[in-house]
Amino acid sequence: YGRSDVTLRRFDDPDTPGLLRNMFGQVLICIHPV
């Protein structure tokens, strides 16, 4: 889709804590059945 604006990481990736130390306008939490 050419979405270079999205940064996709594994939750356990080493740089994830740094990415989360930001201000976000909205946070979406998805819960899956399994």
PDB file of all heavy atoms in Angstrom:
ATOM      1  N   TYR A   1       0.815  -1.211   0.000  1.00  0.00           N
ATOM      2  CA  TYR A   1       0.000   0.000   0.000  1.00  0.00           C
ATOM      3  C   TYR A   1       0.857   1.274   0.000  1.00  0.00           C
ATOM      4  O   TYR A   1       0.308   2.376  -0.027  1.00  0.00           O
ATOM      5  CB  TYR A   1      -0.925   0.012   1.221  1.00  0.00           C
ATOM      6  CG  TYR A   1      -2.123  -0.875   1.079  1.00  0.00           C
ATOM      7  CD1 TYR A   1      -2.113  -2.170   1.573  1.00  0.00           C
ATOM      8  CD2 TYR A   1      -3.284  -0.436   0.442  1.00  0.00           C
ATOM      9  CE1 TYR A   1      -3.217  -3.000   1.437  1.00  0.00           C
ATOM     10  CE2 TYR A   1      -4.390  -1.257   0.307  1.00  0.00           C
ATOM     11  CZ  TYR A   1      -4.354  -2.534   0.809  1.00  0.00           C
ATOM     12  OH  TYR A   1      -5.438  -3.360   0.676  1.00  0.00           O
ATOM     13  N   GLY A   2       2.173   1.123   0.065  1.00  0.00           N
ATOM     14  CA  GLY A   2       3.044   2.296   0.075  1.00  0.00           C
ATOM     15  C   GLY A   2       2.942   3.119   1.343  1.00  0.00           C
ATOM     16  O   GLY A   2       3.114   4.338   1.321  1.00  0.00           O
ATOM     17  N   ARG A   3       2.695   2.443   2.484  1.00  0.00           N
ATOM     18  CA  ARG A   3       2.484   3.158   3.739  1.00  0.00           C
ATOM     19  C   ARG A   3       3.782   3.278   4.536  1.00  0.00           C
ATOM     20  O   ARG A   3       3.969   2.641   5.569  1.00  0.00           O
ATOM     21  CB  ARG A   3       1.387   2.468   4.550  1.00  0.00           C
ATOM     22  CG  ARG A   3       0.020   2.543   3.915  1.00  0.00           C
ATOM     23  CD  ARG A   3      -0.464   3.988   3.772  1.00  0.00           C
ATOM     24  NE  ARG A   3      -0.565   4.661   5.057  1.00  0.00           N
ATOM     25  CZ  ARG A   3      -1.679   4.670   5.784  1.00  0.00           C
ATOM     26  NH1 ARG A   3      -2.768   4.081   5.332  1.00  0.00           N
ATOM     27  NH2 ARG A   3      -1.704   5.286   6.936  1.00  0.00           N
ATOM     28  N   SER A   4       4.668   4.122   4.053  1.00  0.00           N
ATOM     29  CA  SER A   4       5.945   4.335   4.746  1.00  0.00           C
ATOM     30  C   SER A   4       5.770   5.146   6.019  1.00  0.00           C
ATOM     31  O   SER A   4       6.710   5.276   6.816  1.00  0.00           O
ATOM     32  CB  SER A   4       6.936   5.040   3.810  1.00  0.00           C
ATOM     33  OG  SER A   4       6.407   6.274   3.364  1.00  0.00           O
ATOM     34  N   ASP A   5       4.564   5.703   6.243  1.00  0.00           N
ATOM     35  CA  ASP A   5       4.308   6.472   7.451  1.00  0.00           C
ATOM     36  C   ASP A   5       4.082   5.584   8.663  1.00  0.00           C
ATOM     37  O   ASP A   5       4.076   6.058   9.798  1.00  0.00           O
ATOM     38  CB  ASP A   5       3.070   7.350   7.261  1.00  0.00           C
ATOM     39  CG  ASP A   5       1.828   6.523   6.949  1.00  0.00           C
ATOM     40  OD1 ASP A   5       1.853   5.802   5.932  1.00  0.00           O
ATOM     41  OD2 ASP A   5       0.841   6.600   7.716  1.00  0.00           O
ATOM     42  N   VAL A   6       3.901   4.275   8.458  1.00  0.00           N
ATOM     43  CA  VAL A   6       3.620   3.339   9.547  1.00  0.00           C
ATOM     44  C   VAL A   6       4.914   2.635   9.969  1.00  0.00           C
ATOM     45  O   VAL A   6       5.621   2.066   9.134  1.00  0.00           O
ATOM     46  CB  VAL A   6       2.576   2.290   9.129  1.00  0.00           C
ATOM     47  CG1 VAL A   6       2.332   1.299  10.272  1.00  0.00           C
ATOM     48  CG2 VAL A   6       1.275   2.961   8.713  1.00  0.00           C
ATOM     49  N   THR A   7       5.228   2.682  11.249  1.00  0.00           N
ATOM     50  CA  THR A   7       6.363   1.940  11.805  1.00  0.00           C
ATOM     51  C   THR A   7       5.820   0.684  12.462  1.00  0.00           C
ATOM     52  O   THR A   7       5.104   0.763  13.467  1.00  0.00           O
ATOM     53  CB  THR A   7       7.116   2.793  12.835  1.00  0.00           C
ATOM     54  OG1 THR A   7       7.601   3.978  12.206  1.00  0.00           O
ATOM     55  CG2 THR A   7       8.283   2.013  13.425  1.00  0.00           C
ATOM     56  N   LEU A   8       6.125  -0.475  11.886  1.00  0.00           N
ATOM     57  CA  LEU A   8       5.630  -1.750  12.405  1.00  0.00           C
ATOM     58  C   LEU A   8       6.767  -2.499  13.078  1.00  0.00           C
ATOM     59  O   LEU A   8       7.819  -2.714  12.479  1.00  0.00           O
ATOM     60  CB  LEU A   8       5.050  -2.591  11.260  1.00  0.00           C
ATOM     61  CG  LEU A   8       4.540  -3.987  11.634  1.00  0.00           C
ATOM     62  CD1 LEU A   8       3.353  -3.894  12.588  1.00  0.00           C
ATOM     63  CD2 LEU A   8       4.160  -4.774  10.389  1.00  0.00           C
ATOM     64  N   ARG A   9       6.555  -2.916  14.326  1.00  0.00           N
ATOM     65  CA  ARG A   9       7.572  -3.631  15.090  1.00  0.00           C
ATOM     66  C   ARG A   9       6.928  -4.778  15.870  1.00  0.00           C
ATOM     67  O   ARG A   9       5.736  -4.740  16.184  1.00  0.00           O
ATOM     68  CB  ARG A   9       8.262  -2.701  16.099  1.00  0.00           C
ATOM     69  CG  ARG A   9       9.075  -1.591  15.485  1.00  0.00           C
ATOM     70  CD  ARG A   9      10.371  -2.110  14.883  1.00  0.00           C
ATOM     71  NE  ARG A   9      11.236  -1.015  14.472  1.00  0.00           N
ATOM     72  CZ  ARG A   9      11.160  -0.402  13.280  1.00  0.00           C
ATOM     73  NH1 ARG A   9      10.245  -0.781  12.404  1.00  0.00           N
ATOM     74  NH2 ARG A   9      11.969   0.584  12.976  1.00  0.00           N
ATOM     75  N   ARG A  10       7.752  -5.785  16.209  1.00  0.00           N
ATOM     76  CA  ARG A  10       7.322  -6.767  17.201  1.00  0.00           C
ATOM     77  C   ARG A  10       7.277  -6.086  18.568  1.00  0.00           C
ATOM     78  O   ARG A  10       8.071  -5.196  18.850  1.00  0.00           O
ATOM     79  CB  ARG A  10       8.298  -7.938  17.285  1.00  0.00           C
ATOM     80  CG  ARG A  10       8.359  -8.823  16.089  1.00  0.00           C
ATOM     81  CD  ARG A  10       9.105 -10.106  16.418  1.00  0.00           C
ATOM     82  NE  ARG A  10      10.221  -9.922  17.321  1.00  0.00           N
ATOM     83  CZ  ARG A  10      11.466  -9.649  16.947  1.00  0.00           C
ATOM     84  NH1 ARG A  10      11.761  -9.534  15.672  1.00  0.00           N
ATOM     85  NH2 ARG A  10      12.416  -9.506  17.843  1.00  0.00           N
ATOM     86  N   PHE A  11       6.369  -6.544  19.405  1.00  0.00           N
ATOM     87  CA  PHE A  11       6.262  -5.936  20.735  1.00  0.00           C
ATOM     88  C   PHE A  11       7.552  -6.106  21.517  1.00  0.00           C
ATOM     89  O   PHE A  11       7.932  -5.232  22.304  1.00  0.00           O
ATOM     90  CB  PHE A  11       5.092  -6.560  21.496  1.00  0.00           C
ATOM     91  CG  PHE A  11       4.732  -5.804  22.734  1.00  0.00           C
ATOM     92  CD1 PHE A  11       3.865  -4.722  22.672  1.00  0.00           C
ATOM     93  CD2 PHE A  11       5.259  -6.149  23.968  1.00  0.00           C
ATOM     94  CE1 PHE A  11       3.534  -4.002  23.811  1.00  0.00           C
ATOM     95  CE2 PHE A  11       4.929  -5.448  25.109  1.00  0.00           C
ATOM     96  CZ  PHE A  11       4.063  -4.362  25.029  1.00  0.00           C
ATOM     97  N   ASP A  12       8.252  -7.239  21.309  1.00  0.00           N
ATOM     98  CA  ASP A  12       9.485  -7.489  22.061  1.00  0.00           C
ATOM     99  C   ASP A  12      10.730  -6.992  21.344  1.00  0.00           C
ATOM    100  O   ASP A  12      11.847  -7.327  21.727  1.00  0.00           O
ATOM    101  CB  ASP A  12       9.623  -8.984  22.377  1.00  0.00           C
ATOM    102  CG  ASP A  12       9.672  -9.852  21.122  1.00  0.00           C
ATOM    103  OD1 ASP A  12       9.541  -9.307  19.998  1.00  0.00           O
ATOM    104  OD2 ASP A  12       9.846 -11.087  21.258  1.00  0.00           O
ATOM    105  N   ASP A  13      10.572  -6.187  20.295  1.00  0.00           N
ATOM    106  CA  ASP A  13      11.726  -5.630  19.595  1.00  0.00           C
ATOM    107  C   ASP A  13      12.468  -4.662  20.520  1.00  0.00           C
ATOM    108  O   ASP A  13      11.841  -3.939  21.303  1.00  0.00           O
ATOM    109  CB  ASP A  13      11.262  -4.893  18.333  1.00  0.00           C
ATOM    110  CG  ASP A  13      12.413  -4.573  17.395  1.00  0.00           C
ATOM    111  OD1 ASP A  13      13.047  -3.517  17.600  1.00  0.00           O
ATOM    112  OD2 ASP A  13      12.680  -5.372  16.489  1.00  0.00           O
ATOM    113  N   PRO A  14      13.809  -4.614  20.466  1.00  0.00           N
ATOM    114  CA  PRO A  14      14.569  -3.760  21.382  1.00  0.00           C
ATOM    115  C   PRO A  14      14.213  -2.275  21.311  1.00  0.00           C
ATOM    116  O   PRO A  14      14.337  -1.571  22.314  1.00  0.00           O
ATOM    117  CB  PRO A  14      16.033  -3.997  20.958  1.00  0.00           C
ATOM    118  CG  PRO A  14      16.028  -5.358  20.341  1.00  0.00           C
ATOM    119  CD  PRO A  14      14.702  -5.484  19.659  1.00  0.00           C
ATOM    120  N   ASP A  15      13.775  -1.783  20.141  1.00  0.00           N
ATOM    121  CA  ASP A  15      13.494  -0.350  20.066  1.00  0.00           C
ATOM    122  C   ASP A  15      12.038  -0.002  20.379  1.00  0.00           C
ATOM    123  O   ASP A  15      11.650   1.158  20.340  1.00  0.00           O
ATOM    124  CB  ASP A  15      13.893   0.225  18.705  1.00  0.00           C
ATOM    125  CG  ASP A  15      13.019  -0.296  17.562  1.00  0.00           C
ATOM    126  OD1 ASP A  15      12.242  -1.236  17.790  1.00  0.00           O
ATOM    127  OD2 ASP A  15      13.148   0.238  16.446  1.00  0.00           O
ATOM    128  N   THR A  16      11.230  -1.016  20.731  1.00  0.00           N
ATOM    129  CA  THR A  16       9.821  -0.743  21.051  1.00  0.00           C
ATOM    130  C   THR A  16       9.655   0.197  22.253  1.00  0.00           C
ATOM    131  O   THR A  16       8.851   1.135  22.194  1.00  0.00           O
ATOM    132  CB  THR A  16       9.054  -2.055  21.287  1.00  0.00           C
ATOM    133  OG1 THR A  16       9.002  -2.790  20.062  1.00  0.00           O
ATOM    134  CG2 THR A  16       7.644  -1.791  21.768  1.00  0.00           C
ATOM    135  N   PRO A  17      10.383  -0.003  23.372  1.00  0.00           N
ATOM    136  CA  PRO A  17      10.222   0.932  24.495  1.00  0.00           C
ATOM    137  C   PRO A  17      10.472   2.382  24.094  1.00  0.00           C
ATOM    138  O   PRO A  17       9.761   3.290  24.545  1.00  0.00           O
ATOM    139  CB  PRO A  17      11.254   0.435  25.514  1.00  0.00           C
ATOM    140  CG  PRO A  17      11.392  -1.018  25.216  1.00  0.00           C
ATOM    141  CD  PRO A  17      11.292  -1.122  23.720  1.00  0.00           C
ATOM    142  N   GLY A  18      11.459   2.600  23.230  1.00  0.00           N
ATOM    143  CA  GLY A  18      11.729   3.963  22.779  1.00  0.00           C
ATOM    144  C   GLY A  18      10.600   4.530  21.942  1.00  0.00           C
ATOM    145  O   GLY A  18      10.250   5.714  22.060  1.00  0.00           O
ATOM    146  N   LEU A  19      10.008   3.695  21.101  1.00  0.00           N
ATOM    147  CA  LEU A  19       8.892   4.153  20.278  1.00  0.00           C
ATOM    148  C   LEU A  19       7.681   4.528  21.122  1.00  0.00           C
ATOM    149  O   LEU A  19       6.917   5.430  20.772  1.00  0.00           O
ATOM    150  CB  LEU A  19       8.498   3.054  19.281  1.00  0.00           C
ATOM    151  CG  LEU A  19       9.495   2.741  18.166  1.00  0.00           C
ATOM    152  CD1 LEU A  19       9.052   1.502  17.388  1.00  0.00           C
ATOM    153  CD2 LEU A  19       9.629   3.930  17.224  1.00  0.00           C
ATOM    154  N   LEU A  20       7.502   3.820  22.244  1.00  0.00           N
ATOM    155  CA  LEU A  20       6.341   4.074  23.092  1.00  0.00           C
ATOM    156  C   LEU A  20       6.527   5.290  23.997  1.00  0.00           C
ATOM    157  O   LEU A  20       5.551   5.771  24.571  1.00  0.00           O
ATOM    158  CB  LEU A  20       6.039   2.840  23.941  1.00  0.00           C
ATOM    159  CG  LEU A  20       5.513   1.624  23.179  1.00  0.00           C
ATOM    160  CD1 LEU A  20       5.353   0.433  24.112  1.00  0.00           C
ATOM    161  CD2 LEU A  20       4.188   1.938  22.500  1.00  0.00           C
ATOM    162  N   ARG A  21       7.752   5.768  24.126  1.00  0.00           N
ATOM    163  CA  ARG A  21       7.972   6.953  24.970  1.00  0.00           C
ATOM    164  C   ARG A  21       7.644   8.223  24.191  1.00  0.00           C
ATOM    165  O   ARG A  21       8.431   9.160  24.109  1.00  0.00           O
ATOM    166  CB  ARG A  21       9.413   6.974  25.488  1.00  0.00           C
ATOM    167  CG  ARG A  21       9.665   5.970  26.598  1.00  0.00           C
ATOM    168  CD  ARG A  21      10.947   6.284  27.344  1.00  0.00           C
ATOM    169  NE  ARG A  21      12.120   6.097  26.506  1.00  0.00           N
ATOM    170  CZ  ARG A  21      12.794   4.960  26.423  1.00  0.00           C
ATOM    171  NH1 ARG A  21      12.422   3.903  27.122  1.00  0.00           N
ATOM    172  NH2 ARG A  21      13.856   4.862  25.642  1.00  0.00           N
ATOM    173  N   ASN A  22       6.489   8.244  23.598  1.00  0.00           N
ATOM    174  CA  ASN A  22       6.035   9.380  22.811  1.00  0.00           C
ATOM    175  C   ASN A  22       4.612   9.739  23.217  1.00  0.00           C
ATOM    176  O   ASN A  22       3.924   8.978  23.898  1.00  0.00           O
ATOM    177  CB  ASN A  22       6.071   9.047  21.305  1.00  0.00           C
ATOM    178  CG  ASN A  22       7.481   8.919  20.775  1.00  0.00           C
ATOM    179  OD1 ASN A  22       8.314   9.791  20.983  1.00  0.00           O
ATOM    180  ND2 ASN A  22       7.754   7.829  20.085  1.00  0.00           N
ATOM    181  N   MET A  23       4.179  10.894  22.761  1.00  0.00           N
ATOM    182  CA  MET A  23       2.796  11.305  22.953  1.00  0.00           C
ATOM    183  C   MET A  23       2.000  10.857  21.732  1.00  0.00           C
ATOM    184  O   MET A  23       2.419  11.074  20.594  1.00  0.00           O
ATOM    185  CB  MET A  23       2.713  12.817  23.103  1.00  0.00           C
ATOM    186  CG  MET A  23       3.447  13.373  24.304  1.00  0.00           C
ATOM    187  SD  MET A  23       2.627  12.982  25.873  1.00  0.00           S
ATOM    188  CE  MET A  23       1.143  13.966  25.708  1.00  0.00           C
ATOM    189  N   PHE A  24       0.872  10.218  21.965  1.00  0.00           N
ATOM    190  CA  PHE A  24       0.007   9.770  20.876  1.00  0.00           C
ATOM    191  C   PHE A  24      -1.368  10.404  21.026  1.00  0.00           C
ATOM    192  O   PHE A  24      -1.885  10.521  22.138  1.00  0.00           O
ATOM    193  CB  PHE A  24      -0.129   8.249  20.888  1.00  0.00           C
ATOM    194  CG  PHE A  24       1.155   7.521  20.613  1.00  0.00           C
ATOM    195  CD1 PHE A  24       1.937   7.045  21.655  1.00  0.00           C
ATOM    196  CD2 PHE A  24       1.592   7.312  19.316  1.00  0.00           C
ATOM    197  CE1 PHE A  24       3.121   6.378  21.419  1.00  0.00           C
ATOM    198  CE2 PHE A  24       2.772   6.639  19.057  1.00  0.00           C
ATOM    199  CZ  PHE A  24       3.547   6.169  20.109  1.00  0.00           C
ATOM    200  N   GLY A  25      -1.936  10.779  19.905  1.00  0.00           N
ATOM    201  CA  GLY A  25      -3.282  11.336  19.953  1.00  0.00           C
ATOM    202  C   GLY A  25      -4.311  10.293  20.351  1.00  0.00           C
ATOM    203  O   GLY A  25      -5.194  10.550  21.159  1.00  0.00           O
ATOM    204  N   GLN A  26      -4.176   9.090  19.773  1.00  0.00           N
ATOM    205  CA  GLN A  26      -5.071   7.986  20.082  1.00  0.00           C
ATOM    206  C   GLN A  26      -4.265   6.694  20.136  1.00  0.00           C
ATOM    207  O   GLN A  26      -3.285   6.528  19.406  1.00  0.00           O
ATOM    208  CB  GLN A  26      -6.173   7.828  19.024  1.00  0.00           C
ATOM    209  CG  GLN A  26      -7.282   8.868  19.092  1.00  0.00           C
ATOM    210  CD  GLN A  26      -6.850  10.192  18.485  1.00  0.00           C
ATOM    211  OE1 GLN A  26      -6.139  10.202  17.483  1.00  0.00           O
ATOM    212  NE2 GLN A  26      -7.272  11.285  19.090  1.00  0.00           N
ATOM    213  N   VAL A  27      -4.699   5.797  20.986  1.00  0.00           N
ATOM    214  CA  VAL A  27      -4.103   4.466  21.083  1.00  0.00           C
ATOM    215  C   VAL A  27      -5.207   3.447  20.847  1.00  0.00           C
ATOM    216  O   VAL A  27      -6.252   3.488  21.499  1.00  0.00           O
ATOM    217  CB  VAL A  27      -3.452   4.233  22.462  1.00  0.00           C
ATOM    218  CG1 VAL A  27      -2.936   2.792  22.571  1.00  0.00           C
ATOM    219  CG2 VAL A  27      -2.312   5.215  22.686  1.00  0.00           C
ATOM    220  N   LEU A  28      -4.965   2.546  19.903  1.00  0.00           N
ATOM    221  CA  LEU A  28      -5.908   1.470  19.622  1.00  0.00           C
ATOM    222  C   LEU A  28      -5.355   0.168  20.190  1.00  0.00           C
ATOM    223  O   LEU A  28      -4.220  -0.211  19.895  1.00  0.00           O
ATOM    224  CB  LEU A  28      -6.123   1.318  18.116  1.00  0.00           C
ATOM    225  CG  LEU A  28      -6.908   0.078  17.666  1.00  0.00           C
ATOM    226  CD1 LEU A  28      -8.335   0.115  18.200  1.00  0.00           C
ATOM    227  CD2 LEU A  28      -6.897  -0.043  16.149  1.00  0.00           C
ATOM    228  N   ILE A  29      -6.162  -0.514  20.983  1.00  0.00           N
ATOM    229  CA  ILE A  29      -5.784  -1.808  21.554  1.00  0.00           C
ATOM    230  C   ILE A  29      -6.683  -2.876  20.950  1.00  0.00           C
ATOM    231  O   ILE A  29      -7.908  -2.794  21.047  1.00  0.00           O
ATOM    232  CB  ILE A  29      -5.944  -1.794  23.087  1.00  0.00           C
ATOM    233  CG1 ILE A  29      -4.990  -0.765  23.698  1.00  0.00           C
ATOM    234  CG2 ILE A  29      -5.701  -3.179  23.679  1.00  0.00           C
ATOM    235  CD1 ILE A  29      -5.276  -0.463  25.147  1.00  0.00           C
ATOM    236  N   CYS A  30      -6.079  -3.850  20.298  1.00  0.00           N
ATOM    237  CA  CYS A  30      -6.842  -4.933  19.670  1.00  0.00           C
ATOM    238  C   CYS A  30      -6.697  -6.205  20.502  1.00  0.00           C
ATOM    239  O   CYS A  30      -5.581  -6.595  20.853  1.00  0.00           O
ATOM    240  CB  CYS A  30      -6.343  -5.192  18.250  1.00  0.00           C
ATOM    241  SG  CYS A  30      -6.484  -3.768  17.148  1.00  0.00           S
ATOM    242  N   ILE A  31      -7.809  -6.827  20.802  1.00  0.00           N
ATOM    243  CA  ILE A  31      -7.824  -8.099  21.516  1.00  0.00           C
ATOM    244  C   ILE A  31      -8.418  -9.146  20.575  1.00  0.00           C
ATOM    245  O   ILE A  31      -9.477  -8.927  19.985  1.00  0.00           O
ATOM    246  CB  ILE A  31      -8.664  -8.024  22.806  1.00  0.00           C
ATOM    247  CG1 ILE A  31      -8.199  -6.848  23.681  1.00  0.00           C
ATOM    248  CG2 ILE A  31      -8.598  -9.335  23.565  1.00  0.00           C
ATOM    249  CD1 ILE A  31      -6.774  -6.946  24.177  1.00  0.00           C
ATOM    250  N   HIS A  32      -7.733 -10.272  20.421  1.00  0.00           N
ATOM    251  CA  HIS A  32      -8.152 -11.322  19.501  1.00  0.00           C
ATOM    252  C   HIS A  32      -8.692 -12.522  20.286  1.00  0.00           C
ATOM    253  O   HIS A  32      -8.219 -12.807  21.399  1.00  0.00           O
ATOM    254  CB  HIS A  32      -6.985 -11.732  18.615  1.00  0.00           C
ATOM    255  CG  HIS A  32      -6.433 -10.592  17.822  1.00  0.00           C
ATOM    256  ND1 HIS A  32      -6.851 -10.301  16.550  1.00  0.00           N
ATOM    257  CD2 HIS A  32      -5.502  -9.652  18.129  1.00  0.00           C
ATOM    258  CE1 HIS A  32      -6.202  -9.237  16.107  1.00  0.00           C
ATOM    259  NE2 HIS A  32      -5.376  -8.822  17.049  1.00  0.00           N
ATOM    260  N   PRO A  33      -9.640 -13.256  19.727  1.00  0.00           N
ATOM    261  CA  PRO A  33     -10.296 -14.330  20.480  1.00  0.00           C
ATOM    262  C   PRO A  33      -9.356 -15.391  21.024  1.00  0.00           C
ATOM    263  O   PRO A  33      -9.499 -15.825  22.162  1.00  0.00           O
ATOM    264  CB  PRO A  33     -11.266 -14.930  19.450  1.00  0.00           C
ATOM    265  CG  PRO A  33     -11.542 -13.832  18.502  1.00  0.00           C
ATOM    266  CD  PRO A  33     -10.261 -13.060  18.403  1.00  0.00           C
ATOM    267  N   VAL A  34      -8.367 -15.819  20.238  1.00  0.00           N
ATOM    268  CA  VAL A  34      -7.529 -16.952  20.635  1.00  0.00           C
ATOM    269  C   VAL A  34      -6.417 -16.533  21.589  1.00  0.00           C
ATOM    270  O   VAL A  34      -5.957 -17.318  22.408  1.00  0.00           O
ATOM    271  CB  VAL A  34      -6.939 -17.641  19.382  1.00  0.00           C
ATOM    272  CG1 VAL A  34      -6.025 -18.790  19.771  1.00  0.00           C
ATOM    273  CG2 VAL A  34      -8.065 -18.143  18.482  1.00  0.00           C
TER     274      VAL A  34
END
